[in-house]
Amino acid sequence: MAAVEVIVDRLVTLWRLPAVRLNFPWLFLLISLVGSGLKELQVLPQTYFSSSRNVLNVYFVKVSWGWTVLLLTPFLLLSNSCFNRNVSFLGRRVMSLAVATALWYACTQTFFYIEDVTGSCFETNTMDSINKEFTFKASCRKAGFFWHGYDISGHSFILTYSSLFIVEETSPMASLKTTSLSALPRTVLNLLYVALNLIVIVWVWMFACTSVYFHDPSHKLLGTLCGLLVWYLTYRVWYLKPLSPGLPPRRHPKEQKQHA
């Protein structure tokens, strides 16, 4: 596992760079703008990733929140217990997962609602004949017709928000890399950390593919801005307040104050 330790150290060093941490959120906005421009100009050829049936989209992006929670839950419990094993402290940290899941669900359902109330059912994809029998996207598409509404990009939203969420919640590794853990917990923690970073790489790549191959520019931009806004309002505003899950611990465990 020496190779894993080296990878972990390099990843921790990378994320500790102020330029990386401060500019990472802006990367999504930049990719969305540039990618949308490239799509409108149609200068990029069709590739494997221009199909929604590519393996990363089918098995990862479509269940992206599941992957995020599956990997982040054990990491969060294990890493935070190194700072404080108090039940109330760990409960507050786990609450960040519940809050994030609730926000993800609320935002995606809102996107679906907006698409329903702004759309119409068309009998062909050329949108020249409206079928007034169906007033919801689900029933329209189930009948074999085409729904056209304002489709805020759920992919742009979830890939932005999930990436930023993971980066925030894995930040304790900067304090834990020199701590003395027993072999098994340390190995599990390292593997989870590497896996979470790989997931972030996949999310950024698929976000770029979404930007250059799918959706209208405003749909992608609004989805990206929603992801950035939800992250900012939680980790830069609400989590600084006493009545909140709080920010992830970032000090050495010996310096961490014990919670009652």
C-alpha atoms as a PDB file:
ATOM      1  CA  MET A   1       0.000   0.000   0.000  1.00  0.00           C
ATOM      2  CA  ALA A   2       3.019   2.284  -0.199  1.00  0.00           C
ATOM      3  CA  ALA A   3       1.934   3.427  -3.654  1.00  0.00           C
ATOM      4  CA  VAL A   4      -1.485   4.419  -2.276  1.00  0.00           C
ATOM      5  CA  GLU A   5       0.200   6.446   0.478  1.00  0.00           C
ATOM      6  CA  VAL A   6       2.223   8.320  -2.141  1.00  0.00           C
ATOM      7  CA  ILE A   7      -0.902   9.059  -4.179  1.00  0.00           C
ATOM      8  CA  VAL A   8      -2.736  10.270  -1.081  1.00  0.00           C
ATOM      9  CA  ASP A   9       0.135  12.583  -0.120  1.00  0.00           C
ATOM     10  CA  ARG A  10       0.236  14.084  -3.605  1.00  0.00           C
ATOM     11  CA  LEU A  11      -3.518  14.587  -3.699  1.00  0.00           C
ATOM     12  CA  VAL A  12      -3.487  16.231  -0.276  1.00  0.00           C
ATOM     13  CA  THR A  13      -0.667  18.528  -1.382  1.00  0.00           C
ATOM     14  CA  LEU A  14      -2.594  19.429  -4.527  1.00  0.00           C
ATOM     15  CA  TRP A  15      -5.799  20.331  -2.677  1.00  0.00           C
ATOM     16  CA  ARG A  16      -3.880  22.363  -0.101  1.00  0.00           C
ATOM     17  CA  LEU A  17      -2.696  24.755  -2.807  1.00  0.00           C
ATOM     18  CA  PRO A  18      -4.725  27.973  -2.377  1.00  0.00           C
ATOM     19  CA  ALA A  19      -4.921  28.482  -6.144  1.00  0.00           C
ATOM     20  CA  VAL A  20      -6.509  25.048  -6.596  1.00  0.00           C
ATOM     21  CA  ARG A  21      -9.028  25.292  -3.765  1.00  0.00           C
ATOM     22  CA  LEU A  22     -10.069  28.882  -4.520  1.00  0.00           C
ATOM     23  CA  ASN A  23     -10.384  28.443  -8.277  1.00  0.00           C
ATOM     24  CA  PHE A  24     -11.940  24.974  -8.403  1.00  0.00           C
ATOM     25  CA  PRO A  25     -15.566  26.263  -8.153  1.00  0.00           C
ATOM     26  CA  TRP A  26     -14.905  28.740 -10.974  1.00  0.00           C
ATOM     27  CA  LEU A  27     -13.689  25.889 -13.175  1.00  0.00           C
ATOM     28  CA  PHE A  28     -17.261  24.685 -13.639  1.00  0.00           C
ATOM     29  CA  LEU A  29     -18.486  28.089 -14.723  1.00  0.00           C
ATOM     30  CA  LEU A  30     -15.581  28.399 -17.182  1.00  0.00           C
ATOM     31  CA  ILE A  31     -16.165  24.930 -18.639  1.00  0.00           C
ATOM     32  CA  SER A  32     -19.888  25.600 -18.972  1.00  0.00           C
ATOM     33  CA  LEU A  33     -19.352  28.866 -20.851  1.00  0.00           C
ATOM     34  CA  VAL A  34     -16.580  27.587 -23.122  1.00  0.00           C
ATOM     35  CA  GLY A  35     -18.276  24.240 -23.711  1.00  0.00           C
ATOM     36  CA  SER A  36     -21.574  25.898 -24.591  1.00  0.00           C
ATOM     37  CA  GLY A  37     -19.794  28.136 -27.072  1.00  0.00           C
ATOM     38  CA  LEU A  38     -18.120  25.162 -28.713  1.00  0.00           C
ATOM     39  CA  LYS A  39     -21.440  23.334 -28.951  1.00  0.00           C
ATOM     40  CA  GLU A  40     -23.143  26.305 -30.606  1.00  0.00           C
ATOM     41  CA  LEU A  41     -20.276  26.661 -33.083  1.00  0.00           C
ATOM     42  CA  GLN A  42     -20.359  22.889 -33.732  1.00  0.00           C
ATOM     43  CA  VAL A  43     -16.591  22.719 -34.098  1.00  0.00           C
ATOM     44  CA  LEU A  44     -16.094  19.473 -32.169  1.00  0.00           C
ATOM     45  CA  PRO A  45     -16.629  16.083 -33.853  1.00  0.00           C
ATOM     46  CA  GLN A  46     -19.000  13.501 -32.420  1.00  0.00           C
ATOM     47  CA  THR A  47     -17.250  11.034 -30.128  1.00  0.00           C
ATOM     48  CA  TYR A  48     -18.057   8.137 -27.819  1.00  0.00           C
ATOM     49  CA  PHE A  49     -18.950  10.657 -25.106  1.00  0.00           C
ATOM     50  CA  SER A  50     -21.388  12.558 -27.323  1.00  0.00           C
ATOM     51  CA  SER A  51     -23.782   9.634 -26.838  1.00  0.00           C
ATOM     52  CA  SER A  52     -25.792   9.511 -23.630  1.00  0.00           C
ATOM     53  CA  ARG A  53     -25.306   5.730 -23.679  1.00  0.00           C
ATOM     54  CA  ASN A  54     -21.592   5.927 -22.865  1.00  0.00           C
ATOM     55  CA  VAL A  55     -20.623   3.777 -19.907  1.00  0.00           C
ATOM     56  CA  LEU A  56     -19.684   6.659 -17.595  1.00  0.00           C
ATOM     57  CA  ASN A  57     -23.038   8.316 -18.122  1.00  0.00           C
ATOM     58  CA  VAL A  58     -25.097   5.151 -17.730  1.00  0.00           C
ATOM     59  CA  TYR A  59     -23.322   3.632 -14.732  1.00  0.00           C
ATOM     60  CA  PHE A  60     -21.973   6.697 -12.957  1.00  0.00           C
ATOM     61  CA  VAL A  61     -23.596  10.032 -13.860  1.00  0.00           C
ATOM     62  CA  LYS A  62     -27.185   8.763 -13.865  1.00  0.00           C
ATOM     63  CA  VAL A  63     -26.642   7.509 -10.310  1.00  0.00           C
ATOM     64  CA  SER A  64     -24.030  10.100  -9.387  1.00  0.00           C
ATOM     65  CA  TRP A  65     -25.541  11.012  -6.038  1.00  0.00           C
ATOM     66  CA  GLY A  66     -25.595   7.345  -5.069  1.00  0.00           C
ATOM     67  CA  TRP A  67     -21.861   7.024  -5.790  1.00  0.00           C
ATOM     68  CA  THR A  68     -21.160  10.217  -3.854  1.00  0.00           C
ATOM     69  CA  VAL A  69     -23.043   9.104  -0.740  1.00  0.00           C
ATOM     70  CA  LEU A  70     -21.804   5.504  -0.945  1.00  0.00           C
ATOM     71  CA  LEU A  71     -18.139   6.529  -0.844  1.00  0.00           C
ATOM     72  CA  LEU A  72     -18.418   9.658   1.266  1.00  0.00           C
ATOM     73  CA  THR A  73     -20.415   8.193   4.173  1.00  0.00           C
ATOM     74  CA  PRO A  74     -17.742   5.761   5.434  1.00  0.00           C
ATOM     75  CA  PHE A  75     -14.999   8.297   4.704  1.00  0.00           C
ATOM     76  CA  LEU A  76     -16.802  10.977   6.686  1.00  0.00           C
ATOM     77  CA  LEU A  77     -17.383   8.698   9.692  1.00  0.00           C
ATOM     78  CA  LEU A  78     -13.835   7.335   9.734  1.00  0.00           C
ATOM     79  CA  SER A  79     -12.015  10.625   9.148  1.00  0.00           C
ATOM     80  CA  ASN A  80     -14.107  12.657  11.584  1.00  0.00           C
ATOM     81  CA  SER A  81     -13.829  10.016  14.321  1.00  0.00           C
ATOM     82  CA  CYS A  82     -10.082  10.676  14.283  1.00  0.00           C
ATOM     83  CA  PHE A  83     -10.829  14.191  15.506  1.00  0.00           C
ATOM     84  CA  ASN A  84     -13.610  13.468  17.943  1.00  0.00           C
ATOM     85  CA  ARG A  85     -15.618  10.324  18.669  1.00  0.00           C
ATOM     86  CA  ASN A  86     -18.340  12.184  20.523  1.00  0.00           C
ATOM     87  CA  VAL A  87     -21.735  11.035  19.223  1.00  0.00           C
ATOM     88  CA  SER A  88     -23.112  14.572  18.922  1.00  0.00           C
ATOM     89  CA  PHE A  89     -20.064  15.696  16.920  1.00  0.00           C
ATOM     90  CA  LEU A  90     -20.268  12.754  14.521  1.00  0.00           C
ATOM     91  CA  GLY A  91     -24.022  13.219  14.288  1.00  0.00           C
ATOM     92  CA  ARG A  92     -23.580  16.808  13.164  1.00  0.00           C
ATOM     93  CA  ARG A  93     -21.057  15.785  10.552  1.00  0.00           C
ATOM     94  CA  VAL A  94     -23.344  13.024   9.234  1.00  0.00           C
ATOM     95  CA  MET A  95     -26.103  15.638   9.103  1.00  0.00           C
ATOM     96  CA  SER A  96     -24.170  17.348   6.299  1.00  0.00           C
ATOM     97  CA  LEU A  97     -24.919  14.278   4.150  1.00  0.00           C
ATOM     98  CA  ALA A  98     -28.613  14.508   4.998  1.00  0.00           C
ATOM     99  CA  VAL A  99     -28.677  18.234   4.222  1.00  0.00           C
ATOM    100  CA  ALA A 100     -26.866  17.723   0.916  1.00  0.00           C
ATOM    101  CA  THR A 101     -29.227  14.901  -0.072  1.00  0.00           C
ATOM    102  CA  ALA A 102     -32.275  17.012   0.771  1.00  0.00           C
ATOM    103  CA  LEU A 103     -30.933  19.931  -1.273  1.00  0.00           C
ATOM    104  CA  TRP A 104     -30.108  17.639  -4.201  1.00  0.00           C
ATOM    105  CA  TYR A 105     -33.626  16.204  -4.135  1.00  0.00           C
ATOM    106  CA  ALA A 106     -35.320  19.605  -3.778  1.00  0.00           C
ATOM    107  CA  CYS A 107     -33.350  21.119  -6.654  1.00  0.00           C
ATOM    108  CA  THR A 108     -33.839  18.222  -9.062  1.00  0.00           C
ATOM    109  CA  GLN A 109     -37.569  18.058  -8.318  1.00  0.00           C
ATOM    110  CA  THR A 110     -37.796  21.797  -8.926  1.00  0.00           C
ATOM    111  CA  PHE A 111     -36.093  21.346 -12.291  1.00  0.00           C
ATOM    112  CA  PHE A 112     -38.634  18.641 -13.213  1.00  0.00           C
ATOM    113  CA  TYR A 113     -41.503  20.892 -12.136  1.00  0.00           C
ATOM    114  CA  ILE A 114     -40.216  23.815 -14.207  1.00  0.00           C
ATOM    115  CA  GLU A 115     -39.894  21.587 -17.260  1.00  0.00           C
ATOM    116  CA  ASP A 116     -43.465  20.381 -16.768  1.00  0.00           C
ATOM    117  CA  VAL A 117     -45.087  23.810 -16.339  1.00  0.00           C
ATOM    118  CA  THR A 118     -43.161  25.407 -19.210  1.00  0.00           C
ATOM    119  CA  GLY A 119     -43.531  22.548 -21.676  1.00  0.00           C
ATOM    120  CA  SER A 120     -45.927  20.984 -24.138  1.00  0.00           C
ATOM    121  CA  CYS A 121     -46.314  17.533 -25.643  1.00  0.00           C
ATOM    122  CA  PHE A 122     -45.527  17.241 -29.355  1.00  0.00           C
ATOM    123  CA  GLU A 123     -46.317  14.318 -31.615  1.00  0.00           C
ATOM    124  CA  THR A 124     -42.988  14.638 -33.467  1.00  0.00           C
ATOM    125  CA  ASN A 125     -39.569  15.940 -32.541  1.00  0.00           C
ATOM    126  CA  THR A 126     -39.982  18.728 -35.091  1.00  0.00           C
ATOM    127  CA  MET A 127     -42.515  20.286 -32.690  1.00  0.00           C
ATOM    128  CA  ASP A 128     -45.049  21.073 -35.406  1.00  0.00           C
ATOM    129  CA  SER A 129     -48.062  19.328 -33.861  1.00  0.00           C
ATOM    130  CA  ILE A 130     -49.067  19.712 -30.197  1.00  0.00           C
ATOM    131  CA  ASN A 131     -50.857  16.897 -28.402  1.00  0.00           C
ATOM    132  CA  LYS A 132     -52.972  18.586 -25.719  1.00  0.00           C
ATOM    133  CA  GLU A 133     -54.033  15.281 -24.171  1.00  0.00           C
ATOM    134  CA  PHE A 134     -50.803  15.039 -22.156  1.00  0.00           C
ATOM    135  CA  THR A 135     -49.837  17.841 -19.769  1.00  0.00           C
ATOM    136  CA  PHE A 136     -46.887  16.187 -18.022  1.00  0.00           C
ATOM    137  CA  LYS A 137     -43.546  15.052 -19.412  1.00  0.00           C
ATOM    138  CA  ALA A 138     -43.736  11.546 -17.939  1.00  0.00           C
ATOM    139  CA  SER A 139     -47.111  10.683 -19.469  1.00  0.00           C
ATOM    140  CA  CYS A 140     -46.199  12.345 -22.778  1.00  0.00           C
ATOM    141  CA  ARG A 141     -42.999  10.369 -23.209  1.00  0.00           C
ATOM    142  CA  LYS A 142     -44.629   7.157 -21.992  1.00  0.00           C
ATOM    143  CA  ALA A 143     -47.109   7.524 -24.834  1.00  0.00           C
ATOM    144  CA  GLY A 144     -44.222   7.776 -27.295  1.00  0.00           C
ATOM    145  CA  PHE A 145     -44.422  11.503 -27.920  1.00  0.00           C
ATOM    146  CA  PHE A 146     -41.919  14.330 -27.366  1.00  0.00           C
ATOM    147  CA  TRP A 147     -41.938  16.834 -24.514  1.00  0.00           C
ATOM    148  CA  HIS A 148     -40.376  20.250 -24.928  1.00  0.00           C
ATOM    149  CA  GLY A 149     -39.992  22.546 -21.936  1.00  0.00           C
ATOM    150  CA  TYR A 150     -37.348  24.602 -20.159  1.00  0.00           C
ATOM    151  CA  ASP A 151     -34.976  21.788 -19.228  1.00  0.00           C
ATOM    152  CA  ILE A 152     -32.495  23.069 -16.634  1.00  0.00           C
ATOM    153  CA  SER A 153     -29.507  20.739 -16.852  1.00  0.00           C
ATOM    154  CA  GLY A 154     -29.678  18.357 -13.921  1.00  0.00           C
ATOM    155  CA  HIS A 155     -26.311  16.939 -14.998  1.00  0.00           C
ATOM    156  CA  SER A 156     -24.661  20.355 -14.800  1.00  0.00           C
ATOM    157  CA  PHE A 157     -26.182  20.901 -11.360  1.00  0.00           C
ATOM    158  CA  ILE A 158     -25.390  17.550  -9.762  1.00  0.00           C
ATOM    159  CA  LEU A 159     -21.870  17.216 -11.168  1.00  0.00           C
ATOM    160  CA  THR A 160     -20.993  20.717  -9.963  1.00  0.00           C
ATOM    161  CA  TYR A 161     -22.545  20.323  -6.526  1.00  0.00           C
ATOM    162  CA  SER A 162     -21.335  16.762  -5.963  1.00  0.00           C
ATOM    163  CA  SER A 163     -17.739  17.661  -6.856  1.00  0.00           C
ATOM    164  CA  LEU A 164     -17.677  20.664  -4.525  1.00  0.00           C
ATOM    165  CA  PHE A 165     -19.370  18.663  -1.770  1.00  0.00           C
ATOM    166  CA  ILE A 166     -16.754  15.910  -1.986  1.00  0.00           C
ATOM    167  CA  VAL A 167     -13.867  18.377  -1.978  1.00  0.00           C
ATOM    168  CA  GLU A 168     -15.242  20.087   1.135  1.00  0.00           C
ATOM    169  CA  GLU A 169     -15.864  16.872   3.061  1.00  0.00           C
ATOM    170  CA  THR A 170     -12.507  15.284   2.197  1.00  0.00           C
ATOM    171  CA  SER A 171     -10.541  18.326   3.383  1.00  0.00           C
ATOM    172  CA  PRO A 172      -9.770  16.725   6.816  1.00  0.00           C
ATOM    173  CA  MET A 173      -7.161  14.549   5.064  1.00  0.00           C
ATOM    174  CA  ALA A 174      -4.839  17.549   5.099  1.00  0.00           C
ATOM    175  CA  SER A 175      -4.721  17.195   8.892  1.00  0.00           C
ATOM    176  CA  LEU A 176      -4.850  13.415   9.073  1.00  0.00           C
ATOM    177  CA  LYS A 177      -2.004  12.481   6.755  1.00  0.00           C
ATOM    178  CA  THR A 178       0.581  12.508   9.585  1.00  0.00           C
ATOM    179  CA  THR A 179      -1.563  10.926  12.275  1.00  0.00           C
ATOM    180  CA  SER A 180      -0.827   7.433  13.508  1.00  0.00           C
ATOM    181  CA  LEU A 181      -3.765   5.177  12.705  1.00  0.00           C
ATOM    182  CA  SER A 182      -3.712   1.416  12.871  1.00  0.00           C
ATOM    183  CA  ALA A 183      -3.100  -0.367   9.577  1.00  0.00           C
ATOM    184  CA  LEU A 184      -6.642  -1.349   8.582  1.00  0.00           C
ATOM    185  CA  PRO A 185      -8.417   1.979   9.258  1.00  0.00           C
ATOM    186  CA  ARG A 186      -5.590   3.867   7.592  1.00  0.00           C
ATOM    187  CA  THR A 187      -5.741   1.651   4.505  1.00  0.00           C
ATOM    188  CA  VAL A 188      -9.523   1.975   4.247  1.00  0.00           C
ATOM    189  CA  LEU A 189      -9.330   5.745   4.679  1.00  0.00           C
ATOM    190  CA  ASN A 190      -6.640   6.066   2.006  1.00  0.00           C
ATOM    191  CA  LEU A 191      -8.541   3.909  -0.488  1.00  0.00           C
ATOM    192  CA  LEU A 192     -11.751   5.864   0.098  1.00  0.00           C
ATOM    193  CA  TYR A 193      -9.898   9.142  -0.362  1.00  0.00           C
ATOM    194  CA  VAL A 194      -8.348   8.005  -3.646  1.00  0.00           C
ATOM    195  CA  ALA A 195     -11.727   6.689  -4.857  1.00  0.00           C
ATOM    196  CA  LEU A 196     -13.427   9.974  -4.024  1.00  0.00           C
ATOM    197  CA  ASN A 197     -10.799  11.914  -5.942  1.00  0.00           C
ATOM    198  CA  LEU A 198     -11.261   9.606  -8.918  1.00  0.00           C
ATOM    199  CA  ILE A 199     -14.996  10.256  -8.731  1.00  0.00           C
ATOM    200  CA  VAL A 200     -14.340  14.012  -8.801  1.00  0.00           C
ATOM    201  CA  ILE A 201     -12.204  13.533 -11.924  1.00  0.00           C
ATOM    202  CA  VAL A 202     -15.034  11.568 -13.553  1.00  0.00           C
ATOM    203  CA  TRP A 203     -17.575  14.235 -12.564  1.00  0.00           C
ATOM    204  CA  VAL A 204     -15.455  17.059 -14.025  1.00  0.00           C
ATOM    205  CA  TRP A 205     -14.890  15.110 -17.248  1.00  0.00           C
ATOM    206  CA  MET A 206     -18.565  14.297 -17.666  1.00  0.00           C
ATOM    207  CA  PHE A 207     -19.462  17.891 -16.824  1.00  0.00           C
ATOM    208  CA  ALA A 208     -17.224  18.971 -19.713  1.00  0.00           C
ATOM    209  CA  CYS A 209     -18.883  16.416 -22.005  1.00  0.00           C
ATOM    210  CA  THR A 210     -22.319  17.709 -21.002  1.00  0.00           C
ATOM    211  CA  SER A 211     -21.178  21.244 -21.756  1.00  0.00           C
ATOM    212  CA  VAL A 212     -19.927  20.516 -25.273  1.00  0.00           C
ATOM    213  CA  TYR A 213     -22.508  17.944 -26.408  1.00  0.00           C
ATOM    214  CA  PHE A 214     -25.850  18.422 -24.638  1.00  0.00           C
ATOM    215  CA  HIS A 215     -28.496  20.979 -23.641  1.00  0.00           C
ATOM    216  CA  ASP A 216     -29.004  24.620 -24.571  1.00  0.00           C
ATOM    217  CA  PRO A 217     -26.501  27.163 -23.175  1.00  0.00           C
ATOM    218  CA  SER A 218     -28.930  28.734 -20.699  1.00  0.00           C
ATOM    219  CA  HIS A 219     -30.007  25.305 -19.427  1.00  0.00           C
ATOM    220  CA  LYS A 220     -26.400  24.359 -18.626  1.00  0.00           C
ATOM    221  CA  LEU A 221     -25.458  27.736 -17.207  1.00  0.00           C
ATOM    222  CA  LEU A 222     -28.460  27.841 -14.888  1.00  0.00           C
ATOM    223  CA  GLY A 223     -27.837  24.276 -13.714  1.00  0.00           C
ATOM    224  CA  THR A 224     -24.191  25.126 -13.004  1.00  0.00           C
ATOM    225  CA  LEU A 225     -25.114  28.317 -11.153  1.00  0.00           C
ATOM    226  CA  CYS A 226     -27.615  26.401  -9.022  1.00  0.00           C
ATOM    227  CA  GLY A 227     -24.896  23.919  -8.039  1.00  0.00           C
ATOM    228  CA  LEU A 228     -22.511  26.739  -7.144  1.00  0.00           C
ATOM    229  CA  LEU A 229     -25.206  28.611  -5.214  1.00  0.00           C
ATOM    230  CA  VAL A 230     -26.233  25.603  -3.108  1.00  0.00           C
ATOM    231  CA  TRP A 231     -22.583  24.909  -2.265  1.00  0.00           C
ATOM    232  CA  TYR A 232     -21.898  28.551  -1.399  1.00  0.00           C
ATOM    233  CA  LEU A 233     -24.986  29.004   0.790  1.00  0.00           C
ATOM    234  CA  THR A 234     -24.114  25.902   2.811  1.00  0.00           C
ATOM    235  CA  TYR A 235     -20.317  25.855   3.131  1.00  0.00           C
ATOM    236  CA  ARG A 236     -19.657  29.588   2.938  1.00  0.00           C
ATOM    237  CA  VAL A 237     -22.701  30.917   4.788  1.00  0.00           C
ATOM    238  CA  TRP A 238     -24.894  28.528   6.795  1.00  0.00           C
ATOM    239  CA  TYR A 239     -22.201  26.106   8.010  1.00  0.00           C
ATOM    240  CA  LEU A 240     -20.357  29.014   9.619  1.00  0.00           C
ATOM    241  CA  LYS A 241     -23.319  29.469  11.983  1.00  0.00           C
ATOM    242  CA  PRO A 242     -23.756  27.628  15.322  1.00  0.00           C
ATOM    243  CA  LEU A 243     -27.053  25.955  14.360  1.00  0.00           C
ATOM    244  CA  SER A 244     -25.722  23.957  11.424  1.00  0.00           C
ATOM    245  CA  PRO A 245     -23.803  20.748  10.693  1.00  0.00           C
ATOM    246  CA  GLY A 246     -20.661  22.890  10.740  1.00  0.00           C
ATOM    247  CA  LEU A 247     -17.582  22.759   8.572  1.00  0.00           C
ATOM    248  CA  PRO A 248     -15.371  19.646   8.386  1.00  0.00           C
ATOM    249  CA  PRO A 249     -12.552  19.724  10.993  1.00  0.00           C
ATOM    250  CA  ARG A 250      -9.252  20.876   9.508  1.00  0.00           C
ATOM    251  CA  ARG A 251      -6.921  20.988  12.482  1.00  0.00           C
ATOM    252  CA  HIS A 252      -4.654  18.273  13.827  1.00  0.00           C
ATOM    253  CA  PRO A 253      -6.610  15.920  16.135  1.00  0.00           C
ATOM    254  CA  LYS A 254      -4.438  16.899  19.130  1.00  0.00           C
ATOM    255  CA  GLU A 255      -5.448  20.521  18.609  1.00  0.00           C
ATOM    256  CA  GLN A 256      -9.141  19.771  18.141  1.00  0.00           C
ATOM    257  CA  LYS A 257     -11.233  20.905  21.095  1.00  0.00           C
ATOM    258  CA  GLN A 258     -13.318  18.221  22.665  1.00  0.00           C
ATOM    259  CA  HIS A 259     -17.046  18.667  22.227  1.00  0.00           C
ATOM    260  CA  ALA A 260     -19.432  18.123  25.046  1.00  0.00           C
END
